[in-house]
N, C-alpha and C. Protein backbone atom coordinates (compact mmCIF):
# COMPACT_ATOMS: atom_id res chain seq x y z
N UNK A 1 94.95 82.58 120.98
CA UNK A 1 93.64 83.67 121.84
C UNK A 1 92.54 83.92 121.25
N UNK A 2 91.35 83.71 122.43
CA UNK A 2 89.91 83.84 121.96
C UNK A 2 89.27 85.21 122.69
N UNK A 3 88.23 85.98 121.92
CA UNK A 3 87.71 86.45 122.27
C UNK A 3 86.24 86.32 122.06
N UNK A 4 85.65 86.61 124.04
CA UNK A 4 84.75 85.97 123.95
C UNK A 4 83.79 87.23 125.27
N UNK A 5 82.39 86.42 125.16
CA UNK A 5 82.00 87.32 126.23
C UNK A 5 82.13 87.11 127.84
N UNK A 6 81.66 88.07 128.86
CA UNK A 6 82.77 87.85 129.54
C UNK A 6 81.77 86.69 130.48
N UNK A 7 82.16 85.87 131.76
CA UNK A 7 81.10 84.99 132.20
C UNK A 7 82.05 85.34 134.05
N UNK A 8 80.61 85.20 134.91
CA UNK A 8 80.36 85.51 136.11
C UNK A 8 82.14 85.42 136.33
N UNK A 9 82.53 83.95 135.98
CA UNK A 9 83.69 83.86 136.76
C UNK A 9 84.95 84.44 136.21
N UNK A 10 85.04 84.61 135.32
CA UNK A 10 86.38 85.71 134.88
C UNK A 10 85.61 87.43 135.63
N UNK A 11 84.76 87.86 136.42
CA UNK A 11 84.79 89.11 137.21
C UNK A 11 86.36 89.31 137.76
N UNK A 12 86.72 88.53 138.68
CA UNK A 12 88.43 89.07 139.32
C UNK A 12 89.27 89.40 138.47
N UNK A 13 89.24 88.70 137.48
CA UNK A 13 90.33 88.66 136.60
C UNK A 13 90.24 89.96 135.55
N UNK A 14 89.16 90.14 135.33
CA UNK A 14 88.84 91.81 134.55
C UNK A 14 89.37 92.68 135.73
N UNK A 15 88.72 93.05 137.10
CA UNK A 15 88.67 93.90 137.44
C UNK A 15 90.64 94.30 137.64
N UNK A 16 91.39 92.81 137.60
CA UNK A 16 93.04 92.66 137.85
C UNK A 16 93.36 93.22 136.26
N UNK A 17 93.13 92.70 135.70
CA UNK A 17 93.38 93.23 134.62
C UNK A 17 93.22 94.30 133.95
N UNK A 18 91.90 95.45 134.58
CA UNK A 18 91.67 96.99 134.25
C UNK A 18 92.74 97.60 135.46
N UNK A 19 92.47 96.85 136.25
CA UNK A 19 93.80 97.88 137.50
C UNK A 19 95.13 97.95 136.98
N UNK A 20 95.56 96.59 136.55
CA UNK A 20 97.03 96.92 136.23
C UNK A 20 97.09 98.14 135.01
N UNK A 21 96.20 97.57 134.10
CA UNK A 21 96.67 98.38 132.78
C UNK A 21 96.10 99.47 132.98
N UNK A 22 95.40 100.27 134.07
CA UNK A 22 95.12 101.71 134.07
C UNK A 22 96.22 102.63 134.45
N UNK A 23 97.05 101.40 135.42
CA UNK A 23 98.32 101.96 136.05
C UNK A 23 99.51 102.86 135.36
N UNK A 24 99.61 102.08 133.73
CA UNK A 24 100.14 102.51 132.69
C UNK A 24 99.86 104.19 132.56
N UNK A 25 98.33 104.53 132.83
CA UNK A 25 98.29 105.52 131.75
C UNK A 25 98.11 106.55 132.87
N UNK A 26 98.60 107.45 132.34
CA UNK A 26 98.95 108.97 133.50
C UNK A 26 97.25 109.70 133.25
N UNK A 27 96.39 109.54 132.03
CA UNK A 27 95.39 109.61 131.81
C UNK A 27 94.12 108.94 133.10
N UNK A 28 94.60 107.68 133.46
CA UNK A 28 93.56 106.87 134.57
C UNK A 28 93.76 107.74 135.34
N UNK A 29 92.03 107.45 135.99
CA UNK A 29 91.38 107.68 137.78
C UNK A 29 92.06 106.70 138.77
N UNK A 30 92.19 105.41 138.32
CA UNK A 30 92.13 104.62 139.30
C UNK A 30 90.68 103.75 139.63
N UNK A 31 89.61 104.62 138.87
CA UNK A 31 88.24 104.28 139.03
C UNK A 31 87.65 103.41 138.32
N UNK A 32 88.20 103.30 137.01
CA UNK A 32 87.74 102.52 135.80
C UNK A 32 87.18 101.02 136.33
N UNK A 33 87.85 100.36 137.30
CA UNK A 33 87.37 98.99 137.82
C UNK A 33 85.72 98.57 137.99
N UNK A 34 86.10 99.97 138.97
CA UNK A 34 84.90 100.48 139.74
C UNK A 34 83.11 100.63 138.97
N UNK A 35 83.69 101.45 137.98
CA UNK A 35 82.75 101.70 136.46
C UNK A 35 82.38 100.66 135.81
N UNK A 36 83.02 99.56 135.91
CA UNK A 36 82.38 98.08 135.41
C UNK A 36 81.72 97.75 136.14
N UNK A 37 82.24 97.32 137.41
CA UNK A 37 82.08 96.89 137.92
C UNK A 37 79.90 97.87 138.52
N UNK A 38 79.91 99.30 138.46
CA UNK A 38 78.94 99.89 138.57
C UNK A 38 78.01 99.44 137.35
N UNK A 39 78.83 99.49 136.37
CA UNK A 39 77.71 99.02 135.04
C UNK A 39 77.36 97.98 134.61
N UNK A 40 78.10 96.66 135.38
CA UNK A 40 77.24 94.97 135.51
C UNK A 40 76.11 95.33 136.45
N UNK A 41 76.64 95.70 138.07
CA UNK A 41 75.41 95.81 138.69
C UNK A 41 73.98 96.62 138.09
N UNK A 42 74.67 97.39 136.86
CA UNK A 42 72.88 98.64 136.96
C UNK A 42 72.63 97.44 135.55
N UNK A 43 73.00 96.73 134.84
CA UNK A 43 72.65 95.40 133.91
C UNK A 43 73.35 96.80 132.59
N UNK A 44 74.02 97.84 132.50
CA UNK A 44 73.87 98.56 131.53
C UNK A 44 75.47 98.42 130.43
N UNK A 45 75.63 96.94 131.20
CA UNK A 45 76.84 96.51 130.16
C UNK A 45 76.55 96.03 128.44
N UNK A 46 76.54 96.89 127.64
CA UNK A 46 75.85 96.17 126.11
C UNK A 46 76.72 95.29 125.69
N UNK A 47 78.04 95.15 126.19
CA UNK A 47 79.04 94.57 125.77
C UNK A 47 80.15 93.93 126.65
N UNK A 48 80.93 93.12 127.04
CA UNK A 48 81.80 92.95 128.08
C UNK A 48 82.50 91.90 127.58
N UNK A 49 83.58 92.52 126.81
CA UNK A 49 84.23 90.91 126.04
C UNK A 49 85.71 90.99 127.19
N UNK A 50 86.33 90.05 127.13
CA UNK A 50 87.50 89.30 127.80
C UNK A 50 88.26 88.48 126.39
N UNK A 51 89.43 88.65 126.33
CA UNK A 51 90.10 88.07 125.78
C UNK A 51 91.29 87.12 127.12
N UNK A 52 91.16 85.75 126.19
CA UNK A 52 91.95 84.91 126.83
C UNK A 52 92.86 84.45 126.18
N UNK A 53 93.95 83.92 127.15
CA UNK A 53 94.74 82.59 126.18
C UNK A 53 95.25 81.86 127.52
N UNK A 54 95.13 80.57 126.92
CA UNK A 54 95.44 79.89 127.94
C UNK A 54 94.70 79.85 129.32
N UNK A 55 93.45 80.03 128.89
CA UNK A 55 92.82 80.07 130.19
C UNK A 55 92.57 81.12 131.01
N UNK A 56 93.23 82.02 130.48
CA UNK A 56 93.77 83.09 131.47
C UNK A 56 93.19 84.81 130.54
N UNK A 57 92.49 85.88 131.41
CA UNK A 57 92.18 86.40 131.16
C UNK A 57 93.12 87.35 130.91
N UNK A 58 93.44 88.17 129.48
CA UNK A 58 94.76 88.67 129.56
C UNK A 58 94.33 90.06 128.78
N UNK A 59 92.67 90.44 128.53
CA UNK A 59 91.75 91.54 128.03
C UNK A 59 90.80 91.89 128.38
N UNK A 60 90.72 92.88 128.43
CA UNK A 60 89.16 93.44 128.08
C UNK A 60 88.77 94.66 127.82
N UNK A 61 87.37 94.60 127.50
CA UNK A 61 86.78 95.46 126.39
C UNK A 61 85.46 95.96 127.39
N UNK A 62 84.69 97.07 127.52
CA UNK A 62 83.59 97.55 127.86
C UNK A 62 82.95 98.61 127.01
N UNK A 63 81.19 97.83 126.80
CA UNK A 63 80.56 99.23 126.31
C UNK A 63 79.24 98.95 126.59
N UNK A 64 78.87 100.52 126.45
CA UNK A 64 77.93 100.36 127.29
C UNK A 64 76.75 101.67 126.76
N UNK A 65 75.50 101.58 126.68
CA UNK A 65 74.88 102.40 125.93
C UNK A 65 74.91 103.67 126.13
N UNK A 66 74.73 105.01 125.04
CA UNK A 66 75.48 106.24 125.44
C UNK A 66 74.21 107.24 124.22
N UNK A 67 74.83 108.49 124.35
CA UNK A 67 73.50 109.06 123.85
C UNK A 67 74.19 110.38 122.96
N UNK A 68 74.12 111.37 122.04
CA UNK A 68 75.43 111.94 121.48
C UNK A 68 74.13 113.10 121.24
N UNK A 69 74.13 113.88 121.92
CA UNK A 69 73.13 115.04 121.85
C UNK A 69 71.57 114.68 122.31
N UNK A 70 71.00 114.48 121.17
CA UNK A 70 69.53 114.32 121.01
C UNK A 70 69.53 112.65 120.47
N UNK A 71 70.87 112.25 120.23
CA UNK A 71 70.73 110.86 119.13
C UNK A 71 70.73 109.87 120.29
N UNK A 72 70.03 108.97 120.51
CA UNK A 72 69.69 107.70 121.19
C UNK A 72 70.40 106.40 119.90
N UNK A 73 71.16 105.57 120.94
CA UNK A 73 71.79 104.33 120.34
C UNK A 73 73.11 104.43 120.21
N UNK A 74 73.92 104.96 120.20
CA UNK A 74 75.05 105.56 120.09
C UNK A 74 75.41 104.47 121.49
N UNK A 75 76.75 103.66 121.10
CA UNK A 75 77.41 102.78 122.52
C UNK A 75 78.88 103.69 122.28
N UNK A 76 79.20 103.51 124.10
CA UNK A 76 80.33 104.33 124.52
C UNK A 76 81.04 102.91 124.51
N UNK A 77 83.05 102.94 123.80
CA UNK A 77 83.15 101.98 124.40
C UNK A 77 84.22 102.63 125.59
N UNK A 78 84.45 101.98 126.61
CA UNK A 78 85.64 102.22 127.54
C UNK A 78 84.80 101.27 129.28
N UNK A 79 86.18 100.59 129.50
CA UNK A 79 87.40 101.05 129.32
C UNK A 79 87.69 99.78 128.32
N UNK A 80 88.61 99.75 127.42
CA UNK A 80 90.39 99.25 127.14
C UNK A 80 90.91 98.30 127.82
N UNK A 81 91.30 97.66 127.83
CA UNK A 81 92.74 97.48 129.04
C UNK A 81 93.21 95.73 128.56
N UNK A 82 94.70 95.98 128.20
CA UNK A 82 95.30 95.07 127.82
C UNK A 82 96.34 94.50 129.68
N UNK A 83 96.42 93.08 130.17
CA UNK A 83 97.51 93.02 131.01
C UNK A 83 98.71 93.77 130.61
N UNK A 84 98.92 94.11 131.19
CA UNK A 84 101.03 95.01 130.78
C UNK A 84 102.19 93.57 130.52
N UNK A 85 101.78 92.40 130.44
CA UNK A 85 102.55 91.29 129.65
C UNK A 85 102.28 90.94 128.59
N UNK A 86 100.71 91.60 128.47
CA UNK A 86 100.61 91.08 127.12
C UNK A 86 100.54 92.46 126.17
N UNK A 87 101.23 93.96 126.73
CA UNK A 87 100.71 94.61 125.70
C UNK A 87 101.13 94.31 124.13
N UNK A 88 100.94 95.37 123.18
CA UNK A 88 101.85 95.52 121.97
C UNK A 88 101.62 94.44 121.15
N UNK A 89 101.10 93.10 121.64
CA UNK A 89 100.56 91.82 121.07
C UNK A 89 99.28 91.52 120.13
N UNK A 90 98.68 92.76 120.61
CA UNK A 90 97.26 92.67 119.66
C UNK A 90 96.24 92.57 119.88
N UNK A 91 96.06 91.96 121.27
CA UNK A 91 95.09 91.57 122.05
C UNK A 91 93.79 92.98 122.01
N UNK A 92 93.87 93.93 122.39
CA UNK A 92 93.97 95.70 122.31
C UNK A 92 93.14 95.96 120.78
N UNK A 93 93.23 95.47 119.72
CA UNK A 93 93.75 95.59 118.70
C UNK A 93 92.03 93.93 118.70
N UNK A 94 92.58 92.95 118.73
CA UNK A 94 91.81 92.02 118.50
C UNK A 94 90.29 92.33 119.27
N UNK A 95 89.92 92.52 120.47
CA UNK A 95 88.90 93.39 121.18
C UNK A 95 88.15 94.28 120.50
N UNK A 96 89.42 95.34 120.08
CA UNK A 96 88.07 97.15 119.07
C UNK A 96 87.74 96.11 118.14
N UNK A 97 88.54 95.13 117.03
CA UNK A 97 87.65 94.98 116.08
C UNK A 97 86.33 94.14 115.85
N UNK A 98 86.43 93.45 117.41
CA UNK A 98 85.01 92.11 117.34
C UNK A 98 84.05 93.20 117.84
N UNK A 99 84.70 94.02 119.15
CA UNK A 99 83.37 94.96 119.47
C UNK A 99 82.85 95.69 118.63
N UNK A 100 83.69 96.00 116.90
CA UNK A 100 82.68 96.98 116.99
C UNK A 100 81.74 95.85 115.41
N UNK A 101 82.76 95.02 114.98
CA UNK A 101 82.16 94.27 114.49
C UNK A 101 80.61 93.80 115.41
N UNK A 102 80.43 93.17 116.83
CA UNK A 102 79.26 93.24 117.63
C UNK A 102 78.50 94.56 117.49
N UNK A 103 78.98 95.58 117.50
CA UNK A 103 78.23 96.57 117.62
C UNK A 103 77.57 97.86 116.81
N UNK A 104 78.25 97.16 115.32
CA UNK A 104 77.40 97.75 113.83
C UNK A 104 76.28 96.70 113.54
N UNK A 105 75.59 95.94 114.53
CA UNK A 105 74.43 95.04 114.59
C UNK A 105 73.44 95.79 115.39
N UNK A 106 73.91 96.43 116.14
CA UNK A 106 73.09 97.09 117.12
C UNK A 106 73.28 98.48 117.84
N UNK A 107 73.75 98.84 116.84
CA UNK A 107 74.09 100.56 117.61
C UNK A 107 74.41 101.05 115.91
N UNK A 108 73.51 102.85 116.14
CA UNK A 108 74.21 103.71 114.85
C UNK A 108 75.24 104.38 115.36
N UNK A 109 76.60 104.10 116.14
CA UNK A 109 78.04 103.84 116.25
C UNK A 109 78.60 103.59 117.47
N UNK A 110 79.62 104.34 117.25
CA UNK A 110 80.50 103.73 119.02
C UNK A 110 81.00 105.32 118.97
N UNK A 111 81.18 105.42 120.04
CA UNK A 111 82.01 106.65 120.87
C UNK A 111 83.14 106.12 121.81
N UNK A 112 84.09 107.40 122.31
CA UNK A 112 84.73 107.34 122.92
C UNK A 112 86.41 108.17 123.60
N UNK A 113 86.55 107.98 124.46
CA UNK A 113 87.64 109.09 125.06
C UNK A 113 88.33 108.38 124.75
N UNK A 114 89.81 108.92 124.09
CA UNK A 114 91.18 107.96 123.73
C UNK A 114 91.94 108.53 122.96
N UNK A 115 93.07 107.83 123.02
CA UNK A 115 94.51 108.10 122.13
C UNK A 115 93.87 108.53 120.48
N UNK A 116 94.04 109.39 120.31
CA UNK A 116 93.78 109.83 118.69
C UNK A 116 94.10 108.89 117.68
N UNK A 117 95.28 108.56 117.67
CA UNK A 117 96.61 108.00 116.88
C UNK A 117 96.33 106.98 117.32
N UNK A 118 95.90 105.94 118.26
CA UNK A 118 95.72 104.81 119.12
C UNK A 118 94.18 104.06 117.33
N UNK A 119 93.29 104.45 118.05
CA UNK A 119 92.07 104.62 117.79
C UNK A 119 91.75 105.16 116.09
N UNK A 120 92.10 105.72 115.61
CA UNK A 120 92.27 106.22 114.21
C UNK A 120 92.24 104.98 113.02
N UNK A 121 92.59 104.05 113.81
CA UNK A 121 93.25 102.77 113.37
C UNK A 121 91.81 101.81 112.93
N UNK A 122 90.72 102.24 113.79
CA UNK A 122 89.73 101.61 113.39
C UNK A 122 88.93 102.39 112.59
N UNK A 123 88.87 103.61 112.24
CA UNK A 123 88.51 104.52 111.95
C UNK A 123 86.94 105.28 112.74
N UNK A 124 87.68 105.60 113.79
CA UNK A 124 87.66 106.35 114.88
C UNK A 124 87.90 107.88 114.71
N UNK A 125 87.40 109.17 115.15
CA UNK A 125 87.62 110.18 114.37
C UNK A 125 86.98 111.35 115.22
N UNK A 126 87.62 112.44 115.59
CA UNK A 126 86.82 113.76 116.13
C UNK A 126 86.24 114.22 114.96
N UNK A 127 84.90 115.47 115.76
CA UNK A 127 83.87 115.87 115.07
C UNK A 127 83.37 116.88 115.52
N UNK A 128 83.73 118.16 114.94
CA UNK A 128 83.62 119.34 115.25
C UNK A 128 82.55 119.64 116.36
N UNK A 129 80.81 118.68 116.20
CA UNK A 129 80.40 119.09 117.39
C UNK A 129 79.96 118.46 118.23
N UNK A 130 81.07 117.17 118.61
CA UNK A 130 81.20 115.77 119.35
C UNK A 130 81.65 116.35 121.01
N UNK A 131 81.25 116.31 121.36
CA UNK A 131 82.24 116.29 122.72
C UNK A 131 81.70 116.18 124.10
N UNK A 132 82.96 116.45 125.19
CA UNK A 132 82.58 115.93 126.30
C UNK A 132 83.07 117.46 127.18
N UNK A 133 82.22 117.86 128.19
CA UNK A 133 83.05 119.00 128.74
C UNK A 133 83.63 118.27 129.47
N UNK A 134 84.62 119.15 129.60
CA UNK A 134 85.86 119.68 130.24
C UNK A 134 86.67 118.41 129.84
N UNK A 135 86.32 118.03 128.83
CA UNK A 135 87.31 116.82 128.21
C UNK A 135 88.01 117.71 126.71
N UNK A 136 89.52 117.26 126.81
CA UNK A 136 90.08 117.76 125.34
C UNK A 136 89.93 117.50 124.35
N UNK A 137 89.19 118.33 123.10
CA UNK A 137 88.28 117.53 121.89
C UNK A 137 89.38 116.94 121.12
N UNK A 138 90.02 117.15 121.06
CA UNK A 138 90.71 115.83 120.26
C UNK A 138 90.76 114.18 120.63
N UNK A 139 90.70 113.84 121.80
CA UNK A 139 90.23 112.33 122.43
C UNK A 139 88.64 112.15 122.39
N UNK A 140 88.04 112.85 122.38
CA UNK A 140 86.63 112.98 121.76
C UNK A 140 86.35 112.54 120.66
N UNK A 141 86.27 110.85 120.12
CA UNK A 141 86.36 110.60 118.99
C UNK A 141 85.44 109.82 118.60
N UNK A 142 84.14 109.69 117.80
CA UNK A 142 83.26 108.43 117.36
C UNK A 142 83.68 107.67 115.66
N UNK A 143 82.73 106.71 115.62
CA UNK A 143 82.64 106.05 114.28
C UNK A 143 81.69 106.12 114.11
N UNK A 144 80.66 106.46 112.72
CA UNK A 144 79.17 106.20 112.51
C UNK A 144 79.22 104.61 111.67
N UNK A 145 78.21 104.02 111.95
CA UNK A 145 78.05 103.23 111.27
C UNK A 145 76.42 102.97 110.19
N UNK A 146 75.83 104.23 110.73
CA UNK A 146 74.73 104.41 109.76
C UNK A 146 74.66 106.24 108.96
N UNK A 147 75.93 106.25 109.40
CA UNK A 147 76.32 107.70 108.40
C UNK A 147 75.93 109.11 108.86
N UNK A 148 75.26 109.18 109.86
CA UNK A 148 74.84 110.40 110.63
C UNK A 148 76.33 111.23 111.70
N UNK A 149 76.17 112.38 111.06
CA UNK A 149 77.60 112.84 111.96
C UNK A 149 77.15 113.42 112.84
N UNK A 150 77.34 112.56 114.30
CA UNK A 150 77.43 112.82 115.89
C UNK A 150 77.38 114.52 116.28
N UNK A 151 76.51 114.22 116.80
CA UNK A 151 76.59 116.49 117.08
C UNK A 151 75.40 116.65 118.42
N UNK A 152 76.74 117.20 119.31
CA UNK A 152 76.38 116.83 120.84
C UNK A 152 77.06 116.56 121.27
N UNK A 153 76.83 116.33 122.88
CA UNK A 153 77.17 116.29 124.04
C UNK A 153 77.39 114.67 124.34
N UNK A 154 78.61 114.06 124.33
CA UNK A 154 78.16 112.18 124.64
C UNK A 154 78.20 112.12 126.03
N UNK A 155 77.03 111.65 126.49
CA UNK A 155 75.69 111.28 127.47
C UNK A 155 76.52 110.09 127.49
N UNK A 156 76.94 109.23 128.91
CA UNK A 156 77.29 108.59 128.96
C UNK A 156 76.39 107.73 130.69
N UNK A 157 76.45 106.94 130.72
CA UNK A 157 75.83 105.97 131.93
C UNK A 157 76.26 106.58 133.14
N UNK A 158 75.59 107.10 133.70
CA UNK A 158 75.76 107.47 135.25
C UNK A 158 76.85 106.56 136.02
N UNK A 159 77.16 105.45 136.00
CA UNK A 159 78.22 104.68 136.95
C UNK A 159 79.88 105.20 136.45
N UNK A 160 79.22 106.40 135.25
CA UNK A 160 81.45 106.72 135.29
C UNK A 160 81.02 107.33 136.05
N UNK A 161 80.23 108.35 137.43
CA UNK A 161 80.59 109.29 138.03
C UNK A 161 80.97 110.91 137.99
N UNK A 162 80.56 111.03 136.80
CA UNK A 162 80.20 112.35 135.84
C UNK A 162 79.48 113.04 135.63
N UNK A 163 78.97 114.21 136.48
CA UNK A 163 78.23 115.55 135.76
C UNK A 163 77.76 115.57 134.80
N UNK A 164 76.50 115.28 134.52
CA UNK A 164 75.95 116.18 133.00
C UNK A 164 74.86 115.93 133.51
């Protein structure tokens, strides 16, 4: 398996991987592939990684610029998607490790909304003052690269389609 930056030729396969993977998640909205496309069109993807095996895209991870309260310089990770046939085979872990390695060079930290048990293995955790309105606090998580504790609302790109 190879982790690399997306190319234009990958876009249809990325859409399919995201759509197929999100169908398995109860919390998915079905808009995740459209969010990535809006981020791409807005030139707002700071990181767009694919996992490839045998020439086939089997996983995807997006990151975009975010703000936490008044703190600029954060990255928001999401969506992360793995083709259903490749789930539980280390694809998501490889994508996340590579994303964190790259984001450490450019961001003060990374945040996401996701399963706390899964993302804890990468160092993500909740912070008392980090939040997304109308979102359960246990799923709003971050990892700080510069030691600063995230404090405030996690502000994401308008492509996510949520009012902030």
